[in-house]
Amino acid sequence: MSVSQAVLPSFFITLASFPILNLIAKKWGIVDKPGGRKIHDKETPLTGGIAIGIGLISMYFFSPFVFYQYWPLLSAGALLMLIGL
């Protein structure tokens, strides 16, 4: 199985999880509010990293072989995501 066969489904899962996680973030108040030195004008959801993490984890289900090739990199990313949470 090629890398593209694992990356493309993961990309689309990440893309689909952004709007869902944004709704959850707004409902639960997991947003960055404007003010001070911040340049955005409205509340910005803080769930982008979680969506990317979901996409990376889903790569395992589509192609375990590709996942095992990159497991050190993906493990480091998962650790950083957990620290960020």
PDB file of N, CA and C in Angstrom:
ATOM      1  N   MET A   1       0.847  -1.179   0.000  1.00  0.00           N
ATOM      2  CA  MET A   1       0.000   0.000   0.000  1.00  0.00           C
ATOM      3  C   MET A   1       0.890   1.240   0.000  1.00  0.00           C
ATOM      4  N   SER A   2       0.556   2.185  -0.814  1.00  0.00           N
ATOM      5  CA  SER A   2       1.385   3.386  -0.922  1.00  0.00           C
ATOM      6  C   SER A   2       1.020   4.393   0.167  1.00  0.00           C
ATOM      7  N   VAL A   3       1.892   5.342   0.324  1.00  0.00           N
ATOM      8  CA  VAL A   3       1.679   6.385   1.327  1.00  0.00           C
ATOM      9  C   VAL A   3       0.422   7.190   1.005  1.00  0.00           C
ATOM     10  N   SER A   4       0.186   7.455  -0.267  1.00  0.00           N
ATOM     11  CA  SER A   4      -0.982   8.269  -0.632  1.00  0.00           C
ATOM     12  C   SER A   4      -2.290   7.576  -0.263  1.00  0.00           C
ATOM     13  N   GLN A   5      -2.310   6.246  -0.267  1.00  0.00           N
ATOM     14  CA  GLN A   5      -3.520   5.534   0.115  1.00  0.00           C
ATOM     15  C   GLN A   5      -3.786   5.637   1.604  1.00  0.00           C
ATOM     16  N   ALA A   6      -2.804   5.977   2.390  1.00  0.00           N
ATOM     17  CA  ALA A   6      -2.996   6.188   3.819  1.00  0.00           C
ATOM     18  C   ALA A   6      -3.190   7.659   4.144  1.00  0.00           C
ATOM     19  N   VAL A   7      -2.518   8.528   3.396  1.00  0.00           N
ATOM     20  CA  VAL A   7      -2.560   9.955   3.699  1.00  0.00           C
ATOM     21  C   VAL A   7      -3.872  10.594   3.248  1.00  0.00           C
ATOM     22  N   LEU A   8      -4.354  10.229   2.078  1.00  0.00           N
ATOM     23  CA  LEU A   8      -5.582  10.867   1.574  1.00  0.00           C
ATOM     24  C   LEU A   8      -6.800  10.626   2.471  1.00  0.00           C
ATOM     25  N   PRO A   9      -7.088   9.401   2.903  1.00  0.00           N
ATOM     26  CA  PRO A   9      -8.225   9.243   3.823  1.00  0.00           C
ATOM     27  C   PRO A   9      -8.015  10.003   5.130  1.00  0.00           C
ATOM     28  N   SER A  10      -6.788  10.007   5.637  1.00  0.00           N
ATOM     29  CA  SER A  10      -6.500  10.737   6.871  1.00  0.00           C
ATOM     30  C   SER A  10      -6.718  12.236   6.681  1.00  0.00           C
ATOM     31  N   PHE A  11      -6.342  12.736   5.515  1.00  0.00           N
ATOM     32  CA  PHE A  11      -6.552  14.148   5.208  1.00  0.00           C
ATOM     33  C   PHE A  11      -8.043  14.487   5.232  1.00  0.00           C
ATOM     34  N   PHE A  12      -8.850  13.645   4.607  1.00  0.00           N
ATOM     35  CA  PHE A  12     -10.277  13.922   4.561  1.00  0.00           C
ATOM     36  C   PHE A  12     -10.947  13.764   5.923  1.00  0.00           C
ATOM     37  N   ILE A  13     -10.453  12.856   6.746  1.00  0.00           N
ATOM     38  CA  ILE A  13     -10.972  12.737   8.116  1.00  0.00           C
ATOM     39  C   ILE A  13     -10.627  13.990   8.908  1.00  0.00           C
ATOM     40  N   THR A  14      -9.411  14.486   8.745  1.00  0.00           N
ATOM     41  CA  THR A  14      -9.019  15.731   9.408  1.00  0.00           C
ATOM     42  C   THR A  14      -9.896  16.884   8.941  1.00  0.00           C
ATOM     43  N   LEU A  15     -10.106  16.965   7.650  1.00  0.00           N
ATOM     44  CA  LEU A  15     -10.927  18.026   7.073  1.00  0.00           C
ATOM     45  C   LEU A  15     -12.360  17.964   7.596  1.00  0.00           C
ATOM     46  N   ALA A  16     -12.892  16.764   7.734  1.00  0.00           N
ATOM     47  CA  ALA A  16     -14.265  16.605   8.226  1.00  0.00           C
ATOM     48  C   ALA A  16     -14.374  16.872   9.728  1.00  0.00           C
ATOM     49  N   SER A  17     -13.305  16.641  10.478  1.00  0.00           N
ATOM     50  CA  SER A  17     -13.380  16.823  11.928  1.00  0.00           C
ATOM     51  C   SER A  17     -13.254  18.287  12.359  1.00  0.00           C
ATOM     52  N   PHE A  18     -12.703  19.146  11.501  1.00  0.00           N
ATOM     53  CA  PHE A  18     -12.581  20.567  11.863  1.00  0.00           C
ATOM     54  C   PHE A  18     -13.925  21.205  12.199  1.00  0.00           C
ATOM     55  N   PRO A  19     -14.947  21.136  11.337  1.00  0.00           N
ATOM     56  CA  PRO A  19     -16.208  21.800  11.679  1.00  0.00           C
ATOM     57  C   PRO A  19     -16.883  21.200  12.907  1.00  0.00           C
ATOM     58  N   ILE A  20     -16.762  19.887  13.070  1.00  0.00           N
ATOM     59  CA  ILE A  20     -17.377  19.240  14.231  1.00  0.00           C
ATOM     60  C   ILE A  20     -16.710  19.714  15.510  1.00  0.00           C
ATOM     61  N   LEU A  21     -15.385  19.733  15.518  1.00  0.00           N
ATOM     62  CA  LEU A  21     -14.654  20.167  16.705  1.00  0.00           C
ATOM     63  C   LEU A  21     -14.832  21.663  16.965  1.00  0.00           C
ATOM     64  N   ASN A  22     -15.000  22.457  15.909  1.00  0.00           N
ATOM     65  CA  ASN A  22     -15.255  23.887  16.101  1.00  0.00           C
ATOM     66  C   ASN A  22     -16.586  24.113  16.803  1.00  0.00           C
ATOM     67  N   LEU A  23     -17.610  23.351  16.433  1.00  0.00           N
ATOM     68  CA  LEU A  23     -18.909  23.470  17.114  1.00  0.00           C
ATOM     69  C   LEU A  23     -18.793  23.071  18.581  1.00  0.00           C
ATOM     70  N   ILE A  24     -18.077  21.991  18.844  1.00  0.00           N
ATOM     71  CA  ILE A  24     -17.881  21.546  20.223  1.00  0.00           C
ATOM     72  C   ILE A  24     -17.109  22.596  21.016  1.00  0.00           C
ATOM     73  N   ALA A  25     -16.077  23.174  20.403  1.00  0.00           N
ATOM     74  CA  ALA A  25     -15.265  24.185  21.090  1.00  0.00           C
ATOM     75  C   ALA A  25     -16.107  25.405  21.450  1.00  0.00           C
ATOM     76  N   LYS A  26     -16.948  25.845  20.539  1.00  0.00           N
ATOM     77  CA  LYS A  26     -17.796  27.009  20.834  1.00  0.00           C
ATOM     78  C   LYS A  26     -18.817  26.693  21.909  1.00  0.00           C
ATOM     79  N   LYS A  27     -19.350  25.472  21.899  1.00  0.00           N
ATOM     80  CA  LYS A  27     -20.347  25.080  22.896  1.00  0.00           C
ATOM     81  C   LYS A  27     -19.720  24.984  24.289  1.00  0.00           C
ATOM     82  N   TRP A  28     -18.508  24.439  24.366  1.00  0.00           N
ATOM     83  CA  TRP A  28     -17.842  24.248  25.649  1.00  0.00           C
ATOM     84  C   TRP A  28     -16.968  25.424  26.062  1.00  0.00           C
ATOM     85  N   GLY A  29     -16.855  26.435  25.202  1.00  0.00           N
ATOM     86  CA  GLY A  29     -16.059  27.617  25.535  1.00  0.00           C
ATOM     87  C   GLY A  29     -14.568  27.424  25.387  1.00  0.00           C
ATOM     88  N   ILE A  30     -14.143  26.498  24.534  1.00  0.00           N
ATOM     89  CA  ILE A  30     -12.717  26.267  24.298  1.00  0.00           C
ATOM     90  C   ILE A  30     -12.299  27.157  23.135  1.00  0.00           C
ATOM     91  N   VAL A  31     -12.297  28.458  23.395  1.00  0.00           N
ATOM     92  CA  VAL A  31     -12.006  29.437  22.353  1.00  0.00           C
ATOM     93  C   VAL A  31     -11.022  30.470  22.877  1.00  0.00           C
ATOM     94  N   ASP A  32     -10.334  31.104  21.956  1.00  0.00           N
ATOM     95  CA  ASP A  32      -9.439  32.213  22.279  1.00  0.00           C
ATOM     96  C   ASP A  32     -10.209  33.496  22.003  1.00  0.00           C
ATOM     97  N   LYS A  33     -10.378  34.302  23.032  1.00  0.00           N
ATOM     98  CA  LYS A  33     -11.165  35.531  22.894  1.00  0.00           C
ATOM     99  C   LYS A  33     -10.276  36.685  22.444  1.00  0.00           C
ATOM    100  N   PRO A  34     -10.802  37.556  21.579  1.00  0.00           N
ATOM    101  CA  PRO A  34     -10.011  38.701  21.119  1.00  0.00           C
ATOM    102  C   PRO A  34      -9.786  39.708  22.246  1.00  0.00           C
ATOM    103  N   GLY A  35      -8.750  40.478  22.081  1.00  0.00           N
ATOM    104  CA  GLY A  35      -8.455  41.507  23.064  1.00  0.00           C
ATOM    105  C   GLY A  35      -6.963  41.588  23.322  1.00  0.00           C
ATOM    106  N   GLY A  36      -6.547  42.692  23.882  1.00  0.00           N
ATOM    107  CA  GLY A  36      -5.127  42.864  24.173  1.00  0.00           C
ATOM    108  C   GLY A  36      -4.315  42.955  22.900  1.00  0.00           C
ATOM    109  N   ARG A  37      -3.291  42.124  22.792  1.00  0.00           N
ATOM    110  CA  ARG A  37      -2.415  42.142  21.624  1.00  0.00           C
ATOM    111  C   ARG A  37      -2.850  41.181  20.533  1.00  0.00           C
ATOM    112  N   LYS A  38      -3.978  40.526  20.714  1.00  0.00           N
ATOM    113  CA  LYS A  38      -4.450  39.560  19.719  1.00  0.00           C
ATOM    114  C   LYS A  38      -5.040  40.287  18.523  1.00  0.00           C
ATOM    115  N   ILE A  39      -4.834  39.728  17.337  1.00  0.00           N
ATOM    116  CA  ILE A  39      -5.249  40.440  16.132  1.00  0.00           C
ATOM    117  C   ILE A  39      -6.571  39.937  15.555  1.00  0.00           C
ATOM    118  N   HIS A  40      -7.134  38.856  16.108  1.00  0.00           N
ATOM    119  CA  HIS A  40      -8.390  38.374  15.546  1.00  0.00           C
ATOM    120  C   HIS A  40      -9.569  39.148  16.131  1.00  0.00           C
ATOM    121  N   ASP A  41     -10.656  39.220  15.366  1.00  0.00           N
ATOM    122  CA  ASP A  41     -11.817  40.026  15.753  1.00  0.00           C
ATOM    123  C   ASP A  41     -12.917  39.225  16.423  1.00  0.00           C
ATOM    124  N   LYS A  42     -12.906  37.920  16.283  1.00  0.00           N
ATOM    125  CA  LYS A  42     -13.945  37.090  16.885  1.00  0.00           C
ATOM    126  C   LYS A  42     -13.308  35.909  17.600  1.00  0.00           C
ATOM    127  N   GLU A  43     -14.120  35.194  18.373  1.00  0.00           N
ATOM    128  CA  GLU A  43     -13.608  34.046  19.103  1.00  0.00           C
ATOM    129  C   GLU A  43     -13.082  32.988  18.132  1.00  0.00           C
ATOM    130  N   THR A  44     -11.908  32.435  18.442  1.00  0.00           N
ATOM    131  CA  THR A  44     -11.271  31.450  17.585  1.00  0.00           C
ATOM    132  C   THR A  44     -11.183  30.123  18.323  1.00  0.00           C
ATOM    133  N   PRO A  45     -11.760  29.055  17.770  1.00  0.00           N
ATOM    134  CA  PRO A  45     -11.691  27.745  18.433  1.00  0.00           C
ATOM    135  C   PRO A  45     -10.249  27.244  18.533  1.00  0.00           C
ATOM    136  N   LEU A  46      -9.968  26.541  19.618  1.00  0.00           N
ATOM    137  CA  LEU A  46      -8.612  26.052  19.874  1.00  0.00           C
ATOM    138  C   LEU A  46      -8.512  24.538  19.656  1.00  0.00           C
ATOM    139  N   THR A  47      -9.198  24.014  18.654  1.00  0.00           N
ATOM    140  CA  THR A  47      -9.255  22.566  18.467  1.00  0.00           C
ATOM    141  C   THR A  47      -8.558  22.085  17.199  1.00  0.00           C
ATOM    142  N   GLY A  48      -7.791  22.913  16.546  1.00  0.00           N
ATOM    143  CA  GLY A  48      -7.123  22.516  15.309  1.00  0.00           C
ATOM    144  C   GLY A  48      -6.125  21.388  15.505  1.00  0.00           C
ATOM    145  N   GLY A  49      -5.366  21.425  16.576  1.00  0.00           N
ATOM    146  CA  GLY A  49      -4.389  20.371  16.843  1.00  0.00           C
ATOM    147  C   GLY A  49      -5.043  19.030  17.106  1.00  0.00           C
ATOM    148  N   ILE A  50      -6.202  19.056  17.749  1.00  0.00           N
ATOM    149  CA  ILE A  50      -6.926  17.815  18.006  1.00  0.00           C
ATOM    150  C   ILE A  50      -7.402  17.209  16.690  1.00  0.00           C
ATOM    151  N   ALA A  51      -7.890  18.039  15.787  1.00  0.00           N
ATOM    152  CA  ALA A  51      -8.341  17.547  14.478  1.00  0.00           C
ATOM    153  C   ALA A  51      -7.184  16.924  13.708  1.00  0.00           C
ATOM    154  N   ILE A  52      -6.031  17.549  13.750  1.00  0.00           N
ATOM    155  CA  ILE A  52      -4.859  16.997  13.067  1.00  0.00           C
ATOM    156  C   ILE A  52      -4.433  15.686  13.726  1.00  0.00           C
ATOM    157  N   GLY A  53      -4.496  15.625  15.043  1.00  0.00           N
ATOM    158  CA  GLY A  53      -4.168  14.393  15.758  1.00  0.00           C
ATOM    159  C   GLY A  53      -5.111  13.257  15.394  1.00  0.00           C
ATOM    160  N   ILE A  54      -6.397  13.552  15.266  1.00  0.00           N
ATOM    161  CA  ILE A  54      -7.368  12.534  14.850  1.00  0.00           C
ATOM    162  C   ILE A  54      -7.020  12.017  13.460  1.00  0.00           C
ATOM    163  N   GLY A  55      -6.638  12.916  12.569  1.00  0.00           N
ATOM    164  CA  GLY A  55      -6.250  12.500  11.225  1.00  0.00           C
ATOM    165  C   GLY A  55      -5.024  11.609  11.224  1.00  0.00           C
ATOM    166  N   LEU A  56      -4.044  11.946  12.044  1.00  0.00           N
ATOM    167  CA  LEU A  56      -2.831  11.122  12.109  1.00  0.00           C
ATOM    168  C   LEU A  56      -3.113   9.758  12.712  1.00  0.00           C
ATOM    169  N   ILE A  57      -3.931   9.723  13.732  1.00  0.00           N
ATOM    170  CA  ILE A  57      -4.276   8.441  14.344  1.00  0.00           C
ATOM    171  C   ILE A  57      -5.072   7.576  13.374  1.00  0.00           C
ATOM    172  N   SER A  58      -5.910   8.196  12.573  1.00  0.00           N
ATOM    173  CA  SER A  58      -6.697   7.424  11.604  1.00  0.00           C
ATOM    174  C   SER A  58      -5.816   6.783  10.533  1.00  0.00           C
ATOM    175  N   MET A  59      -4.611   7.304  10.344  1.00  0.00           N
ATOM    176  CA  MET A  59      -3.697   6.713   9.371  1.00  0.00           C
ATOM    177  C   MET A  59      -3.400   5.262   9.723  1.00  0.00           C
ATOM    178  N   TYR A  60      -3.367   4.951  10.995  1.00  0.00           N
ATOM    179  CA  TYR A  60      -3.103   3.581  11.431  1.00  0.00           C
ATOM    180  C   TYR A  60      -4.157   2.611  10.898  1.00  0.00           C
ATOM    181  N   PHE A  61      -5.410   3.028  10.881  1.00  0.00           N
ATOM    182  CA  PHE A  61      -6.488   2.148  10.454  1.00  0.00           C
ATOM    183  C   PHE A  61      -6.504   1.927   8.942  1.00  0.00           C
ATOM    184  N   PHE A  62      -5.999   2.883   8.190  1.00  0.00           N
ATOM    185  CA  PHE A  62      -5.985   2.743   6.735  1.00  0.00           C
ATOM    186  C   PHE A  62      -4.738   2.035   6.225  1.00  0.00           C
ATOM    187  N   SER A  63      -3.648   2.194   6.934  1.00  0.00           N
ATOM    188  CA  SER A  63      -2.410   1.557   6.488  1.00  0.00           C
ATOM    189  C   SER A  63      -1.456   1.374   7.666  1.00  0.00           C
ATOM    190  N   PRO A  64      -1.606   0.277   8.399  1.00  0.00           N
ATOM    191  CA  PRO A  64      -0.680   0.045   9.524  1.00  0.00           C
ATOM    192  C   PRO A  64       0.778  -0.009   9.088  1.00  0.00           C
ATOM    193  N   PHE A  65       1.041  -0.497   7.866  1.00  0.00           N
ATOM    194  CA  PHE A  65       2.426  -0.577   7.395  1.00  0.00           C
ATOM    195  C   PHE A  65       3.060   0.803   7.314  1.00  0.00           C
ATOM    196  N   VAL A  66       2.346   1.760   6.746  1.00  0.00           N
ATOM    197  CA  VAL A  66       2.866   3.127   6.648  1.00  0.00           C
ATOM    198  C   VAL A  66       3.004   3.719   8.041  1.00  0.00           C
ATOM    199  N   PHE A  67       2.033   3.426   8.900  1.00  0.00           N
ATOM    200  CA  PHE A  67       2.088   3.937  10.268  1.00  0.00           C
ATOM    201  C   PHE A  67       3.353   3.438  10.966  1.00  0.00           C
ATOM    202  N   TYR A  68       3.686   2.164  10.806  1.00  0.00           N
ATOM    203  CA  TYR A  68       4.857   1.614  11.472  1.00  0.00           C
ATOM    204  C   TYR A  68       6.158   2.197  10.929  1.00  0.00           C
ATOM    205  N   GLN A  69       6.169   2.640   9.684  1.00  0.00           N
ATOM    206  CA  GLN A  69       7.366   3.281   9.142  1.00  0.00           C
ATOM    207  C   GLN A  69       7.635   4.610   9.835  1.00  0.00           C
ATOM    208  N   TYR A  70       6.577   5.305  10.205  1.00  0.00           N
ATOM    209  CA  TYR A  70       6.709   6.651  10.779  1.00  0.00           C
ATOM    210  C   TYR A  70       6.333   6.703  12.254  1.00  0.00           C
ATOM    211  N   TRP A  71       6.330   5.585  12.936  1.00  0.00           N
ATOM    212  CA  TRP A  71       5.864   5.576  14.310  1.00  0.00           C
ATOM    213  C   TRP A  71       6.651   6.487  15.239  1.00  0.00           C
ATOM    214  N   PRO A  72       7.971   6.667  15.097  1.00  0.00           N
ATOM    215  CA  PRO A  72       8.640   7.606  16.013  1.00  0.00           C
ATOM    216  C   PRO A  72       8.126   9.043  15.853  1.00  0.00           C
ATOM    217  N   LEU A  73       7.941   9.452  14.616  1.00  0.00           N
ATOM    218  CA  LEU A  73       7.445  10.798  14.361  1.00  0.00           C
ATOM    219  C   LEU A  73       6.007  10.954  14.855  1.00  0.00           C
ATOM    220  N   LEU A  74       5.173   9.976  14.586  1.00  0.00           N
ATOM    221  CA  LEU A  74       3.780  10.046  15.016  1.00  0.00           C
ATOM    222  C   LEU A  74       3.656   9.945  16.532  1.00  0.00           C
ATOM    223  N   SER A  75       4.512   9.164  17.162  1.00  0.00           N
ATOM    224  CA  SER A  75       4.500   9.062  18.621  1.00  0.00           C
ATOM    225  C   SER A  75       4.902  10.391  19.266  1.00  0.00           C
ATOM    226  N   ALA A  76       5.893  11.040  18.705  1.00  0.00           N
ATOM    227  CA  ALA A  76       6.305  12.351  19.220  1.00  0.00           C
ATOM    228  C   ALA A  76       5.180  13.364  19.051  1.00  0.00           C
ATOM    229  N   GLY A  77       4.505  13.323  17.913  1.00  0.00           N
ATOM    230  CA  GLY A  77       3.368  14.220  17.696  1.00  0.00           C
ATOM    231  C   GLY A  77       2.233  13.948  18.667  1.00  0.00           C
ATOM    232  N   ALA A  78       1.965  12.674  18.947  1.00  0.00           N
ATOM    233  CA  ALA A  78       0.916  12.321  19.903  1.00  0.00           C
ATOM    234  C   ALA A  78       1.277  12.809  21.304  1.00  0.00           C
ATOM    235  N   LEU A  79       2.542  12.678  21.658  1.00  0.00           N
ATOM    236  CA  LEU A  79       2.991  13.161  22.964  1.00  0.00           C
ATOM    237  C   LEU A  79       2.821  14.677  23.080  1.00  0.00           C
ATOM    238  N   LEU A  80       3.190  15.399  22.029  1.00  0.00           N
ATOM    239  CA  LEU A  80       3.021  16.842  22.044  1.00  0.00           C
ATOM    240  C   LEU A  80       1.541  17.234  22.126  1.00  0.00           C
ATOM    241  N   MET A  81       0.684  16.476  21.441  1.00  0.00           N
ATOM    242  CA  MET A  81      -0.739  16.761  21.496  1.00  0.00           C
ATOM    243  C   MET A  81      -1.278  16.542  22.912  1.00  0.00           C
ATOM    244  N   LEU A  82      -0.847  15.477  23.579  1.00  0.00           N
ATOM    245  CA  LEU A  82      -1.286  15.225  24.945  1.00  0.00           C
ATOM    246  C   LEU A  82      -0.799  16.300  25.900  1.00  0.00           C
ATOM    247  N   ILE A  83       0.418  16.760  25.709  1.00  0.00           N
ATOM    248  CA  ILE A  83       0.940  17.842  26.553  1.00  0.00           C
ATOM    249  C   ILE A  83       0.127  19.116  26.314  1.00  0.00           C
ATOM    250  N   GLY A  84      -0.225  19.364  25.070  1.00  0.00           N
ATOM    251  CA  GLY A  84      -1.026  20.544  24.752  1.00  0.00           C
ATOM    252  C   GLY A  84      -2.430  20.505  25.343  1.00  0.00           C
ATOM    253  N   LEU A  85      -2.993  19.295  25.422  1.00  0.00           N
ATOM    254  CA  LEU A  85      -4.327  19.186  26.021  1.00  0.00           C
ATOM    255  C   LEU A  85      -4.277  19.495  27.487  1.00  0.00           C
TER     256      LEU A  85
END
